[in-house]
């Protein structure tokens, strides 16, 4: 059928069928309207029998049935409840910060506005499928001057209704409506992506703040220990039991530790300001709240559950956005294809004109007309064909983008699972090493006080302990951050 239409357009030219109707009385308008509809019915049936092929590409992918690095993680069903994931981090303040930020953050508000914009555009596209009706009314008066009679006054009144409608014979408008619906779905998933990213960013900033506070506590304890050692070295110098080298080494070690305090204090203040910014608040607004909270790195529970790969693909907002983009691109391709075929438009009007307002609704003052037009492209220098090729290429890009997004989702999930497992192993080893280093530091200081070892041995144990404690805090931070990345990789939260 499509080939027949294309051949007719190329041989006959642009097909335009008009059915003019003009009458001054009501019965003539009715008769012409009946005749017009009678002629339009077979045309509509003939054109409506043509169907457009649905453009499609191969977007299918084979997904793994299970994660390679799931380890001891339990399996759960997907959930969009973001709070449940953070509830397993054993930090109520973190939960409150995320909940408040999701309500006040400007980025979330902006994404919500985009959803409302897309919904309104969808309503506008849906309205275009229905006829348009408009009305008008006017009154006119004038004066005419003549040589003999003087002046003559005249007044006229008019009112009218205009209606127009374009039949969607080949689904061009329906395809445009489908594209708008897909854009709305993409906007909604973008909102979910912004919410998940914001929650993860707050959790990361909060974890970094608590890690710096823990480092500051460790450093202050280390400073207190070095102050005791420096006092002992000074006393031994005064007692003649040691030389100035030992005292200077102790004091240098003490001042070196003290030099790290301002840097950590700066990082802590900046971290609090970062959390205020993410929460949509002024700098310093959360200082009191954060200072009153537990200064501990959030500790994610080992009971956090994951889903199967297919669930992750369905859950992740970025994958869903890519899917909606693919649907939109396919709908645009169908719309571009339908634009190459004839279109049918109907328009009509009813007019009322009278010299006196009281006679404006008299049937003798009525005039009406209806016009039906069928048009098809003849020669456009390949514009429509080029538009179709462009939308088809855009659809191919959307398919490739969807596949790439799915692969990225699977890769990020596997990497996050690996990070969770390996950081847990490294943490267990560092906890043992740090405990032994604390014992060694205590023993070294005791033996130094007894005069059994040199101060250089004490310095070595202190440096070793400080380095291990810093590595321990870094690993705890990495472990928490790996669970945060797992939260993002799984699509914004899972719960059992």
Protein backbone atom coordinates (compact mmCIF):
# COMPACT_ATOMS: atom_id res chain seq x y z
CA UNK A 1 0.00 0.00 0.00
CA UNK A 2 2.82 2.38 0.88
CA UNK A 3 4.52 1.86 -2.48
CA UNK A 4 1.25 2.63 -4.25
CA UNK A 5 0.95 5.92 -2.43
CA UNK A 6 4.53 6.85 -3.23
CA UNK A 7 3.99 6.08 -6.94
CA UNK A 8 0.78 8.11 -7.05
CA UNK A 9 2.47 11.08 -5.49
CA UNK A 10 5.33 10.97 -7.96
CA UNK A 11 3.14 10.70 -11.08
CA UNK A 12 0.13 12.83 -10.27
CA UNK A 13 1.85 15.44 -8.13
CA UNK A 14 0.74 16.78 -4.80
CA UNK A 15 -2.76 15.45 -4.15
CA UNK A 16 -5.06 18.16 -2.77
CA UNK A 17 -8.79 17.47 -2.49
CA UNK A 18 -10.97 20.42 -1.45
CA UNK A 19 -14.66 20.39 -0.68
CA UNK A 20 -15.75 24.05 -0.50
CA UNK A 21 -19.16 24.74 1.04
CA UNK A 22 -20.74 28.20 1.17
CA UNK A 23 -24.42 28.91 1.80
CA UNK A 24 -26.62 31.56 3.34
CA UNK A 25 -29.30 29.26 4.66
CA UNK A 26 -29.19 26.40 7.08
CA UNK A 27 -30.54 23.64 4.84
CA UNK A 28 -27.91 24.23 2.19
CA UNK A 29 -25.14 24.02 4.78
CA UNK A 30 -26.53 20.69 6.00
CA UNK A 31 -26.71 19.27 2.50
CA UNK A 32 -23.18 20.27 1.55
CA UNK A 33 -21.86 19.00 4.89
CA UNK A 34 -23.49 15.63 4.21
CA UNK A 35 -21.99 15.49 0.75
CA UNK A 36 -18.54 16.35 2.05
CA UNK A 37 -18.63 13.63 4.66
CA UNK A 38 -19.90 11.17 2.11
CA UNK A 39 -16.89 11.85 -0.09
CA UNK A 40 -14.42 11.81 2.81
CA UNK A 41 -15.42 8.41 4.13
CA UNK A 42 -13.90 6.28 1.34
CA UNK A 43 -10.77 8.44 1.30
CA UNK A 44 -10.28 7.90 5.04
CA UNK A 45 -10.89 4.17 4.75
CA UNK A 46 -8.48 3.88 1.82
CA UNK A 47 -5.69 5.74 3.59
CA UNK A 48 -6.39 4.22 7.00
CA UNK A 49 -5.77 0.74 5.62
CA UNK A 50 -2.08 1.50 5.17
CA UNK A 51 0.19 0.52 8.07
CA UNK A 52 3.69 1.68 8.84
CA UNK A 53 6.40 -0.79 9.79
CA UNK A 54 7.78 -0.27 13.27
CA UNK A 55 11.49 0.62 13.13
CA UNK A 56 13.43 -1.67 15.41
CA UNK A 57 17.00 -2.54 16.23
CA UNK A 58 18.64 -5.30 18.20
CA UNK A 59 18.86 -4.02 21.78
CA UNK A 60 18.73 -7.47 23.38
CA UNK A 61 21.55 -8.49 25.71
CA UNK A 62 22.43 -11.67 27.55
CA UNK A 63 22.74 -10.92 31.27
CA UNK A 64 24.56 -13.12 33.82
CA UNK A 65 22.32 -15.08 36.17
CA UNK A 66 24.44 -14.27 39.25
CA UNK A 67 27.29 -12.03 40.38
CA UNK A 68 30.80 -13.41 40.18
CA UNK A 69 31.92 -11.58 43.33
CA UNK A 70 28.77 -11.70 45.47
CA UNK A 71 30.54 -13.64 48.22
CA UNK A 72 28.41 -13.84 51.37
CA UNK A 73 26.01 -11.06 50.39
CA UNK A 74 22.36 -12.14 50.71
CA UNK A 75 20.03 -11.76 47.75
CA UNK A 76 17.00 -9.46 47.98
CA UNK A 77 14.32 -7.90 45.83
CA UNK A 78 14.79 -4.32 44.59
CA UNK A 79 13.45 -1.38 46.58
CA UNK A 80 13.38 2.35 45.91
CA UNK A 81 13.32 3.16 49.63
CA UNK A 82 16.64 5.01 49.97
CA UNK A 83 16.42 5.25 53.77
CA UNK A 84 16.55 1.48 54.29
CA UNK A 85 20.04 1.20 52.87
CA UNK A 86 21.48 3.90 55.13
CA UNK A 87 19.65 2.44 58.12
CA UNK A 88 22.22 -0.39 58.09
CA UNK A 89 25.09 2.08 58.59
CA UNK A 90 24.30 2.41 62.30
CA UNK A 91 24.29 6.22 62.23
CA UNK A 92 20.91 7.96 62.78
CA UNK A 93 22.39 11.39 62.00
CA UNK A 94 23.42 10.22 58.54
CA UNK A 95 19.85 9.07 57.87
CA UNK A 96 18.49 12.44 58.97
CA UNK A 97 20.94 14.41 56.85
CA UNK A 98 20.02 12.43 53.73
CA UNK A 99 16.28 12.72 54.35
CA UNK A 100 16.49 16.48 54.89
CA UNK A 101 18.73 17.03 51.87
CA UNK A 102 16.36 15.14 49.56
CA UNK A 103 13.70 17.72 50.45
CA UNK A 104 15.81 20.90 50.29
CA UNK A 105 18.59 20.34 47.76
CA UNK A 106 18.27 22.65 44.71
CA UNK A 107 19.38 19.92 42.27
CA UNK A 108 16.50 17.68 43.40
CA UNK A 109 14.09 20.60 43.09
CA UNK A 110 15.41 21.33 39.59
CA UNK A 111 14.98 17.70 38.53
CA UNK A 112 11.42 17.75 39.90
CA UNK A 113 10.71 20.86 37.83
CA UNK A 114 11.98 19.05 34.73
CA UNK A 115 9.50 16.25 35.43
CA UNK A 116 6.67 18.78 35.62
CA UNK A 117 7.89 20.38 32.39
CA UNK A 118 7.95 17.02 30.59
CA UNK A 119 4.48 16.16 31.90
CA UNK A 120 3.10 19.47 30.61
CA UNK A 121 4.69 18.94 27.21
CA UNK A 122 3.12 15.49 27.08
CA UNK A 123 -0.29 17.03 27.79
CA UNK A 124 0.29 19.56 25.01
CA UNK A 125 1.15 16.78 22.54
CA UNK A 126 -1.92 14.81 23.60
CA UNK A 127 -4.13 17.86 23.07
CA UNK A 128 -2.88 18.16 19.48
CA UNK A 129 -4.76 14.95 18.61
CA UNK A 130 -8.10 16.68 19.16
CA UNK A 131 -9.83 19.33 17.05
CA UNK A 132 -9.26 23.00 17.68
CA UNK A 133 -12.27 25.28 18.04
CA UNK A 134 -12.08 29.07 18.29
CA UNK A 135 -14.65 31.83 18.44
CA UNK A 136 -14.87 35.51 17.63
CA UNK A 137 -17.36 38.36 17.98
CA UNK A 138 -17.28 41.98 16.83
CA UNK A 139 -19.39 45.08 16.27
CA UNK A 140 -18.78 47.85 13.75
CA UNK A 141 -20.31 51.26 13.23
CA UNK A 142 -19.53 53.95 10.67
CA UNK A 143 -20.74 57.27 9.17
CA UNK A 144 -20.87 58.13 5.47
CA UNK A 145 -20.98 61.78 4.21
CA UNK A 146 -22.86 62.66 0.97
CA UNK A 147 -23.37 65.95 -0.89
CA UNK A 148 -27.22 66.00 -0.82
CA UNK A 149 -28.38 63.79 2.04
CA UNK A 150 -25.77 64.85 4.53
CA UNK A 151 -24.63 61.85 6.59
CA UNK A 152 -25.63 58.21 6.77
CA UNK A 153 -24.87 55.95 9.76
CA UNK A 154 -24.52 52.17 9.59
CA UNK A 155 -23.93 49.44 12.23
CA UNK A 156 -23.16 45.73 11.82
CA UNK A 157 -22.55 42.82 14.19
CA UNK A 158 -20.81 39.52 13.53
CA UNK A 159 -19.91 36.33 15.38
CA UNK A 160 -18.28 33.14 14.28
CA UNK A 161 -16.84 29.75 15.19
CA UNK A 162 -13.79 28.20 13.52
CA UNK A 163 -12.75 24.56 13.84
CA UNK A 164 -9.82 22.61 12.44
CA UNK A 165 -8.50 19.08 12.80
CA UNK A 166 -5.76 17.04 11.18
CA UNK A 167 -6.42 13.32 10.95
CA UNK A 168 -3.48 11.21 12.14
CA UNK A 169 -3.67 8.77 9.24
CA UNK A 170 -0.20 7.25 9.48
CA UNK A 171 0.48 7.75 13.18
CA UNK A 172 2.84 10.70 12.98
CA UNK A 173 1.18 12.54 15.85
CA UNK A 174 0.78 9.35 17.86
CA UNK A 175 4.48 8.67 17.44
CA UNK A 176 5.27 12.19 18.58
CA UNK A 177 3.04 11.59 21.60
CA UNK A 178 4.91 8.35 22.35
CA UNK A 179 8.21 10.25 22.18
CA UNK A 180 6.88 12.83 24.65
CA UNK A 181 5.73 10.05 26.99
CA UNK A 182 9.19 8.47 26.81
CA UNK A 183 10.76 11.84 27.57
CA UNK A 184 8.54 12.11 30.65
CA UNK A 185 9.67 8.66 31.81
CA UNK A 186 13.29 9.67 31.27
CA UNK A 187 12.78 12.84 33.32
CA UNK A 188 11.30 10.83 36.18
CA UNK A 189 14.22 8.42 36.16
CA UNK A 190 16.65 11.34 36.01
CA UNK A 191 15.02 12.61 39.21
CA UNK A 192 15.59 9.20 40.81
CA UNK A 193 19.21 9.30 39.64
CA UNK A 194 19.72 12.76 41.16
CA UNK A 195 18.21 11.59 44.44
CA UNK A 196 20.42 8.50 44.58
CA UNK A 197 23.53 10.50 43.63
CA UNK A 198 22.76 13.13 46.27
CA UNK A 199 22.29 10.50 48.98
CA UNK A 200 25.59 8.86 48.02
CA UNK A 201 27.41 12.21 47.90
CA UNK A 202 26.16 13.16 51.36
CA UNK A 203 27.16 9.76 52.72
CA UNK A 204 30.64 10.11 51.18
CA UNK A 205 31.11 13.64 52.55
CA UNK A 206 29.84 12.56 55.96
CA UNK A 207 32.18 9.58 55.98
CA UNK A 208 35.11 11.83 55.06
CA UNK A 209 34.19 14.25 57.86
CA UNK A 210 34.02 11.50 60.47
CA UNK A 211 37.29 10.04 59.20
CA UNK A 212 39.07 13.38 59.60
CA UNK A 213 37.60 13.77 63.09
CA UNK A 214 38.87 10.29 63.96
CA UNK A 215 42.31 11.17 62.56
CA UNK A 216 42.35 14.28 64.72
CA UNK A 217 41.53 12.22 67.82
CA UNK A 218 44.29 9.74 66.98
CA UNK A 219 46.74 12.57 66.38
CA UNK A 220 45.89 14.24 69.67
CA UNK A 221 46.42 10.98 71.55
CA UNK A 222 49.73 10.59 69.76
CA UNK A 223 50.67 14.18 70.69
CA UNK A 224 49.85 13.47 74.34
CA UNK A 225 52.09 10.41 74.24
CA UNK A 226 54.94 12.35 72.60
CA UNK A 227 54.60 15.12 75.16
CA UNK A 228 55.18 12.58 77.90
CA UNK A 229 58.19 11.20 76.01
CA UNK A 230 59.58 14.71 75.41
CA UNK A 231 59.19 15.57 79.11
CA UNK A 232 61.05 12.41 80.01
CA UNK A 233 63.85 13.19 77.53
CA UNK A 234 64.17 16.70 78.97
CA UNK A 235 64.30 15.37 82.52
CA UNK A 236 67.01 12.87 81.56
CA UNK A 237 68.99 15.67 79.88
CA UNK A 238 68.77 17.76 83.03
CA UNK A 239 69.79 14.77 85.12
CA UNK A 240 72.80 14.14 82.90
CA UNK A 241 71.56 10.73 81.80
CA UNK A 242 71.19 11.73 78.13
CA UNK A 243 72.58 14.26 75.70
CA UNK A 244 70.79 17.07 73.89
CA UNK A 245 70.38 14.98 70.74
CA UNK A 246 67.85 12.76 72.45
CA UNK A 247 65.93 15.76 73.81
CA UNK A 248 65.92 17.52 70.44
CA UNK A 249 64.66 14.38 68.69
CA UNK A 250 61.79 14.09 71.15
CA UNK A 251 60.84 17.76 70.79
CA UNK A 252 61.09 17.59 66.98
CA UNK A 253 58.84 14.54 66.92
CA UNK A 254 56.34 16.36 69.13
CA UNK A 255 56.22 19.50 66.98
CA UNK A 256 55.95 17.43 63.83
CA UNK A 257 52.82 15.77 65.22
CA UNK A 258 51.36 19.12 66.30
CA UNK A 259 51.81 20.49 62.76
CA UNK A 260 49.19 18.06 61.49
CA UNK A 261 46.41 19.48 63.70
CA UNK A 262 45.61 22.66 61.70
CA UNK A 263 45.35 20.74 58.42
CA UNK A 264 42.84 18.30 59.91
CA UNK A 265 40.87 21.12 61.52
CA UNK A 266 40.68 22.83 58.13
CA UNK A 267 39.46 19.64 56.46
CA UNK A 268 36.82 19.17 59.18
CA UNK A 269 35.46 22.70 58.80
CA UNK A 270 35.37 22.40 55.03
CA UNK A 271 33.64 19.01 55.29
CA UNK A 272 30.88 20.51 57.44
CA UNK A 273 30.41 23.29 54.89
CA UNK A 274 30.20 20.72 52.12
CA UNK A 275 27.40 18.90 53.94
CA UNK A 276 25.57 22.19 54.45
CA UNK A 277 25.86 22.95 50.73
CA UNK A 278 24.51 19.51 49.77
CA UNK A 279 21.65 20.02 52.22
CA UNK A 280 20.71 23.35 50.64
CA UNK A 281 21.79 25.34 53.71
CA UNK A 282 24.16 28.22 54.41
CA UNK A 283 27.75 27.45 55.48
CA UNK A 284 27.95 26.71 59.19
CA UNK A 285 24.27 25.76 59.53
CA UNK A 286 25.09 22.15 60.42
CA UNK A 287 28.14 22.79 62.63
CA UNK A 288 26.24 22.35 65.89
CA UNK A 289 24.38 19.27 64.70
CA UNK A 290 27.52 17.59 63.38
CA UNK A 291 29.57 18.46 66.47
CA UNK A 292 26.95 16.81 68.69
CA UNK A 293 26.92 13.57 66.70
CA UNK A 294 29.05 10.50 67.16
CA UNK A 295 32.51 11.11 65.74
CA UNK A 296 32.81 7.66 64.25
CA UNK A 297 33.11 6.43 60.70
CA UNK A 298 29.77 4.87 59.64
CA UNK A 299 30.01 1.11 59.80
CA UNK A 300 27.86 -0.64 57.16
CA UNK A 301 26.33 -3.91 58.21
CA UNK A 302 27.34 -7.20 56.65
CA UNK A 303 23.61 -7.96 56.28
CA UNK A 304 23.16 -5.55 53.38
CA UNK A 305 21.59 -7.46 50.53
CA UNK A 306 22.07 -7.37 46.78
CA UNK A 307 19.91 -8.49 43.88
CA UNK A 308 20.46 -10.57 40.78
CA UNK A 309 21.97 -8.81 37.74
CA UNK A 310 18.67 -8.58 35.87
CA UNK A 311 17.10 -6.78 38.84
CA UNK A 312 19.99 -4.32 38.93
CA UNK A 313 19.53 -3.49 35.24
CA UNK A 314 15.84 -2.84 35.82
CA UNK A 315 16.52 -0.86 38.99
CA UNK A 316 19.29 1.52 37.96
CA UNK A 317 17.96 4.95 36.97
CA UNK A 318 20.64 5.51 34.31
CA UNK A 319 19.71 2.24 32.58
CA UNK A 320 16.04 3.20 32.69
CA UNK A 321 16.88 6.65 31.30
CA UNK A 322 18.77 5.01 28.43
CA UNK A 323 15.77 2.75 27.82
CA UNK A 324 13.40 5.70 27.64
CA UNK A 325 15.79 7.48 25.31
CA UNK A 326 15.69 4.43 23.04
CA UNK A 327 11.88 4.45 23.07
CA UNK A 328 11.85 8.15 22.25
CA UNK A 329 14.31 7.69 19.40
CA UNK A 330 12.22 4.84 17.93
CA UNK A 331 9.08 6.98 18.13
CA UNK A 332 10.85 9.85 16.39
CA UNK A 333 11.88 7.45 13.62
CA UNK A 334 8.27 6.36 13.14
CA UNK A 335 7.17 10.01 13.06
CA UNK A 336 9.79 10.85 10.43
CA UNK A 337 8.70 7.87 8.35
CA UNK A 338 5.02 8.88 8.57
CA UNK A 339 5.85 12.42 7.43
CA UNK A 340 6.57 11.07 3.93
CA UNK A 341 2.94 10.09 3.34
CA UNK A 342 -0.27 12.04 2.72
CA UNK A 343 -1.99 14.02 5.44
CA UNK A 344 -5.67 14.85 5.76
CA UNK A 345 -6.92 18.08 7.32
CA UNK A 346 -10.45 19.29 7.99
CA UNK A 347 -11.48 22.86 8.72
CA UNK A 348 -14.82 24.59 8.99
CA UNK A 349 -16.44 27.78 10.13
CA UNK A 350 -19.86 29.20 10.93
CA UNK A 351 -20.40 32.95 10.63
CA UNK A 352 -23.28 35.19 11.76
CA UNK A 353 -23.60 38.75 10.41
CA UNK A 354 -26.52 41.19 11.01
CA UNK A 355 -27.25 44.92 10.84
CA UNK A 356 -29.03 44.82 14.21
CA UNK A 357 -27.99 42.93 17.34
CA UNK A 358 -31.46 41.44 17.72
CA UNK A 359 -31.26 39.66 14.35
CA UNK A 360 -27.80 38.19 14.72
CA UNK A 361 -29.20 34.72 15.41
CA UNK A 362 -31.63 34.83 12.50
CA UNK A 363 -31.03 31.83 10.16
CA UNK A 364 -30.90 34.19 7.21
CA UNK A 365 -27.73 35.77 8.65
CA UNK A 366 -25.86 32.44 8.85
CA UNK A 367 -23.07 31.33 6.55
CA UNK A 368 -20.95 28.20 6.89
CA UNK A 369 -18.21 26.38 5.08
CA UNK A 370 -16.12 23.25 5.47
CA UNK A 371 -12.87 22.39 3.72
CA UNK A 372 -11.14 19.02 3.60
CA UNK A 373 -7.64 18.75 2.21
CA UNK A 374 -5.49 15.75 1.40
CA UNK A 375 -1.88 16.64 0.69
CA UNK A 376 1.24 14.63 -0.01
CA UNK A 377 4.84 15.64 -0.72
CA UNK A 378 5.96 15.71 -4.36
CA UNK A 379 9.49 17.04 -4.45
CA UNK A 380 11.52 18.16 -1.43
CA UNK A 381 15.07 17.53 -2.68
CA UNK A 382 15.41 14.54 -0.34
CA UNK A 383 14.65 16.45 2.87
CA UNK A 384 12.18 13.90 4.28
CA UNK A 385 14.42 10.99 3.33
CA UNK A 386 17.37 12.69 5.02
CA UNK A 387 15.30 13.35 8.15
CA UNK A 388 14.34 9.68 8.28
CA UNK A 389 17.97 8.63 7.87
CA UNK A 390 18.98 11.02 10.67
CA UNK A 391 16.34 9.71 13.10
CA UNK A 392 17.27 6.14 12.21
CA UNK A 393 20.92 6.89 12.99
CA UNK A 394 19.84 8.51 16.26
CA UNK A 395 17.91 5.34 17.10
CA UNK A 396 21.01 3.23 16.40
CA UNK A 397 22.98 5.51 18.73
CA UNK A 398 20.32 5.07 21.41
CA UNK A 399 20.59 1.28 21.08
CA UNK A 400 24.37 1.39 21.47
CA UNK A 401 24.06 3.81 24.38
CA UNK A 402 21.60 1.47 26.09
CA UNK A 403 23.93 -1.50 25.69
CA UNK A 404 26.90 0.51 26.96
CA UNK A 405 24.89 1.69 29.99
CA UNK A 406 23.90 -1.88 30.84
CA UNK A 407 27.50 -3.07 30.59
CA UNK A 408 28.63 -0.14 32.76
CA UNK A 409 26.01 -1.07 35.36
CA UNK A 410 27.21 -4.68 35.49
CA UNK A 411 30.88 -3.63 35.65
CA UNK A 412 30.32 -1.06 38.40
CA UNK A 413 28.35 -3.56 40.46
CA UNK A 414 31.05 -6.22 40.18
CA UNK A 415 33.78 -3.68 41.04
CA UNK A 416 31.82 -2.46 44.06
CA UNK A 417 31.33 -6.03 45.29
CA UNK A 418 35.06 -6.69 44.88
CA UNK A 419 35.88 -3.50 46.81
CA UNK A 420 33.53 -4.46 49.66
CA UNK A 421 35.12 -7.90 50.01
CA UNK A 422 38.76 -6.86 49.66
CA UNK A 423 38.54 -3.84 51.97
CA UNK A 424 36.97 -6.06 54.63
CA UNK A 425 39.92 -8.46 54.34
CA UNK A 426 42.43 -5.61 54.47
CA UNK A 427 40.65 -4.09 57.46
CA UNK A 428 40.82 -7.30 59.45
CA UNK A 429 44.58 -7.54 58.82
CA UNK A 430 45.24 -3.90 59.72
CA UNK A 431 43.24 -4.19 62.94
CA UNK A 432 45.56 -6.98 64.08
CA UNK A 433 48.69 -5.08 62.99
CA UNK A 434 47.53 -1.89 64.76
CA UNK A 435 46.80 -3.76 67.99
CA UNK A 436 50.31 -5.23 67.93
CA UNK A 437 51.82 -1.80 67.17
CA UNK A 438 50.07 -0.30 70.21
CA UNK A 439 51.53 -3.00 72.41
CA UNK A 440 54.97 -2.43 70.88
CA UNK A 441 54.73 1.34 71.47
CA UNK A 442 53.76 0.85 75.11
CA UNK A 443 56.57 -1.65 75.65
CA UNK A 444 59.13 0.62 73.96
CA UNK A 445 58.21 3.58 76.16
CA UNK A 446 58.40 1.41 79.25
CA UNK A 447 61.84 0.10 78.28
CA UNK A 448 63.00 3.64 77.44
CA UNK A 449 61.92 4.88 80.86
CA UNK A 450 63.90 2.02 82.35
CA UNK A 451 66.93 3.00 80.28
CA UNK A 452 67.08 -0.29 78.44
CA UNK A 453 66.78 1.11 74.86
CA UNK A 454 67.66 4.29 72.96
CA UNK A 455 65.17 6.96 72.06
CA UNK A 456 65.50 6.11 68.37
CA UNK A 457 63.70 2.83 69.05
CA UNK A 458 60.85 4.75 70.66
CA UNK A 459 60.64 7.04 67.64
CA UNK A 460 60.47 4.05 65.31
CA UNK A 461 57.60 2.45 67.22
CA UNK A 462 55.71 5.79 67.38
CA UNK A 463 56.05 6.37 63.66
CA UNK A 464 55.00 2.80 62.95
CA UNK A 465 51.95 3.11 65.20
CA UNK A 466 50.88 6.45 63.73
CA UNK A 467 51.24 5.11 60.18
CA UNK A 468 49.24 1.96 60.95
CA UNK A 469 46.50 3.91 62.70
CA UNK A 470 46.26 6.22 59.69
CA UNK A 471 46.10 3.22 57.35
CA UNK A 472 43.44 1.66 59.55
CA UNK A 473 41.29 4.80 59.33
CA UNK A 474 41.82 5.01 55.58
CA UNK A 475 40.76 1.39 55.15
CA UNK A 476 37.66 1.87 57.28
CA UNK A 477 36.82 4.87 55.13
CA UNK A 478 37.44 2.88 51.97
CA UNK A 479 35.22 0.08 53.21
CA UNK A 480 32.35 2.47 53.96
CA UNK A 481 32.82 4.22 50.61
CA UNK A 482 32.79 0.87 48.82
CA UNK A 483 29.35 0.18 50.28
CA UNK A 484 28.24 3.64 49.19
CA UNK A 485 29.43 2.87 45.65
CA UNK A 486 27.62 -0.48 45.86
CA UNK A 487 24.46 1.44 46.75
CA UNK A 488 24.85 3.50 43.58
CA UNK A 489 25.81 0.50 41.44
CA UNK A 490 22.70 -1.43 42.55
CA UNK A 491 20.47 1.41 41.42
CA UNK A 492 19.77 3.42 44.54
CA UNK A 493 19.28 0.93 47.35
CA UNK A 494 18.26 -2.63 48.07
CA UNK A 495 16.70 -4.09 51.18
CA UNK A 496 15.81 -7.56 52.37
